[in-house]
Amino acid sequence: MTTSELPSGAELLSSLAASGNDLPGIWSLLGMDGVEIENGKVSFTLVSRPDFANPLGTVHGGICATLLDSVMGCAVHSILGPGFGYSTLELKVNYIRSVGTDGVRLTGTGTVIHTGRSTATAEGRVLDEQGRLIAHGTTTCLIHAPN
């Protein structure tokens, strides 16, 4: 398959989102849905549940970190051309408030800040149902050119 026959990042993400409950890997593991994809901006939602608990009984920070890594990375992917990929080089997360494990809907949104030839940066936010900031972060992604 040549590069021209491959989907762009946005096309690939849209295709995955349209697949419904057949989402790959981490999306299905955490129950991410509510996928919205724009050029350079991506949002996913998930609902907290008891198996997301840390020893204190609130949502483990890794859940918000994973949501942020997913939306920021996919925001970068949404602007890449056919055959291009990415990987996270750096992830920074700031936690603002705890979240209960009793079905709280969290929405993560990632937005591209800058894209170069070899790296891209993005920022993200996780909000609860009341629009309160739960966590925010930044990422640097390594861009992989097609072979």
Protein backbone atom coordinates (compact mmCIF):
# COMPACT_ATOMS: atom_id res chain seq x y z
CA MET A 1 0.00 0.00 0.00
CA THR A 2 1.41 3.40 -0.94
CA THR A 3 1.24 6.45 1.29
CA SER A 4 -1.38 8.02 -0.98
CA GLU A 5 -3.65 5.02 -0.32
CA LEU A 6 -3.42 5.40 3.47
CA PRO A 7 -5.87 7.50 5.48
CA SER A 8 -4.83 10.77 7.08
CA GLY A 9 -4.72 10.88 10.86
CA ALA A 10 -8.14 12.55 11.03
CA GLU A 11 -9.62 9.98 8.63
CA LEU A 12 -8.22 7.08 10.65
CA LEU A 13 -9.54 8.52 13.94
CA SER A 14 -12.96 9.21 12.42
CA SER A 15 -13.10 5.65 11.10
CA LEU A 16 -12.24 4.26 14.53
CA ALA A 17 -14.82 6.49 16.22
CA ALA A 18 -17.50 5.35 13.75
CA SER A 19 -16.82 1.73 14.70
CA GLY A 20 -18.83 2.21 17.91
CA ASN A 21 -18.12 -0.36 20.60
CA ASP A 22 -15.31 -1.97 18.59
CA LEU A 23 -12.77 0.67 19.64
CA PRO A 24 -9.25 -0.67 20.07
CA GLY A 25 -7.23 -1.19 23.23
CA ILE A 26 -7.25 1.53 25.83
CA TRP A 27 -10.48 3.11 24.52
CA SER A 28 -12.50 -0.03 25.17
CA LEU A 29 -10.60 -0.90 28.38
CA LEU A 30 -11.58 2.43 29.99
CA GLY A 31 -14.93 2.73 28.21
CA MET A 32 -14.06 5.92 26.36
CA ASP A 33 -16.77 7.26 24.09
CA GLY A 34 -18.27 10.57 23.05
CA VAL A 35 -15.49 10.92 20.54
CA GLU A 36 -15.34 14.31 18.80
CA ILE A 37 -12.65 14.92 16.21
CA GLU A 38 -11.73 18.22 14.60
CA ASN A 39 -8.53 19.26 12.89
CA GLY A 40 -6.11 19.64 15.82
CA LYS A 41 -8.74 19.10 18.54
CA VAL A 42 -10.10 15.84 19.99
CA SER A 43 -12.48 15.07 22.88
CA PHE A 44 -13.34 11.77 24.58
CA THR A 45 -15.51 11.00 27.58
CA LEU A 46 -15.44 8.23 30.14
CA VAL A 47 -17.50 7.41 33.20
CA SER A 48 -15.78 6.70 36.52
CA ARG A 49 -16.40 3.32 38.10
CA PRO A 50 -15.30 1.45 41.25
CA ASP A 51 -12.47 -0.40 39.52
CA PHE A 52 -10.82 2.99 38.79
CA ALA A 53 -10.26 3.52 42.55
CA ASN A 54 -6.98 4.30 44.24
CA PRO A 55 -6.41 3.16 47.87
CA LEU A 56 -8.27 6.27 49.10
CA GLY A 57 -11.40 5.33 47.16
CA THR A 58 -11.29 8.10 44.54
CA VAL A 59 -10.38 7.81 40.85
CA HIS A 60 -6.70 6.90 40.42
CA GLY A 61 -4.65 9.68 38.83
CA GLY A 62 -3.56 7.32 36.08
CA ILE A 63 -7.11 7.37 34.68
CA CYS A 64 -6.97 11.14 34.07
CA ALA A 65 -3.37 10.83 32.84
CA THR A 66 -4.44 8.17 30.34
CA LEU A 67 -7.42 10.24 29.21
CA LEU A 68 -5.13 13.26 28.73
CA ASP A 69 -2.47 11.22 26.91
CA SER A 70 -5.18 9.85 24.61
CA VAL A 71 -6.85 13.14 23.69
CA MET A 72 -3.61 15.11 23.33
CA GLY A 73 -1.94 12.37 21.25
CA CYS A 74 -5.00 11.94 19.07
CA ALA A 75 -5.23 15.73 18.60
CA VAL A 76 -1.69 15.55 17.19
CA HIS A 77 -2.64 12.52 15.09
CA SER A 78 -5.64 14.42 13.68
CA ILE A 79 -3.36 16.85 11.85
CA LEU A 80 -0.92 14.29 10.43
CA GLY A 81 -0.94 13.20 6.81
CA PRO A 82 -1.35 9.70 5.41
CA GLY A 83 1.11 7.18 6.82
CA PHE A 84 2.39 9.45 9.59
CA GLY A 85 2.30 8.30 13.20
CA TYR A 86 3.33 9.62 16.59
CA SER A 87 4.46 8.54 20.03
CA THR A 88 4.45 10.37 23.33
CA LEU A 89 7.87 11.74 24.28
CA GLU A 90 6.77 13.62 27.39
CA LEU A 91 3.57 13.93 29.41
CA LYS A 92 2.98 16.46 32.20
CA VAL A 93 -0.20 16.30 34.29
CA ASN A 94 -1.48 18.64 37.01
CA TYR A 95 -4.29 17.31 39.21
CA ILE A 96 -6.76 19.88 40.53
CA ARG A 97 -9.44 17.88 42.37
CA SER A 98 -10.36 14.29 43.13
CA VAL A 99 -13.18 12.42 41.43
CA GLY A 100 -15.57 9.86 42.89
CA THR A 101 -15.86 6.37 41.44
CA ASP A 102 -19.66 6.53 41.34
CA GLY A 103 -20.36 7.21 37.65
CA VAL A 104 -18.92 10.69 37.17
CA ARG A 105 -18.69 11.55 33.46
CA LEU A 106 -15.30 13.04 32.63
CA THR A 107 -14.57 14.81 29.36
CA GLY A 108 -11.01 15.14 28.13
CA THR A 109 -10.15 17.58 25.36
CA GLY A 110 -6.78 17.85 23.66
CA THR A 111 -5.68 20.70 21.39
CA VAL A 112 -2.54 20.99 19.29
CA ILE A 113 -0.29 23.90 20.21
CA HIS A 114 2.54 23.47 17.68
CA THR A 115 3.54 21.05 14.97
CA GLY A 116 6.99 20.79 13.45
CA ARG A 117 8.63 18.23 11.17
CA SER A 118 9.72 15.90 13.97
CA THR A 119 7.77 16.92 17.09
CA ALA A 120 4.41 18.36 18.06
CA THR A 121 3.04 19.76 21.32
CA ALA A 122 -0.49 19.74 22.66
CA GLU A 123 -2.41 20.70 25.78
CA GLY A 124 -5.38 19.06 27.40
CA ARG A 125 -8.04 19.44 30.07
CA VAL A 126 -10.30 17.03 31.91
CA LEU A 127 -13.62 18.45 33.12
CA ASP A 128 -16.39 16.86 35.15
CA GLU A 129 -20.14 17.06 34.41
CA GLN A 130 -20.38 20.46 36.10
CA GLY A 131 -17.58 21.87 33.95
CA ARG A 132 -15.10 21.88 36.84
CA LEU A 133 -11.44 21.41 36.00
CA ILE A 134 -10.22 18.02 37.26
CA ALA A 135 -6.77 17.89 35.64
CA HIS A 136 -4.79 19.55 32.87
CA GLY A 137 -1.62 18.69 31.05
CA THR A 138 0.77 19.08 28.15
CA THR A 139 2.55 16.65 25.88
CA THR A 140 5.36 16.51 23.37
CA CYS A 141 4.96 13.90 20.66
CA LEU A 142 7.55 12.48 18.29
CA ILE A 143 6.23 12.43 14.72
CA HIS A 144 7.01 9.28 12.72
CA ALA A 145 7.26 9.83 8.97
CA PRO A 146 5.96 7.13 6.62
CA ASN A 147 8.51 4.51 5.57
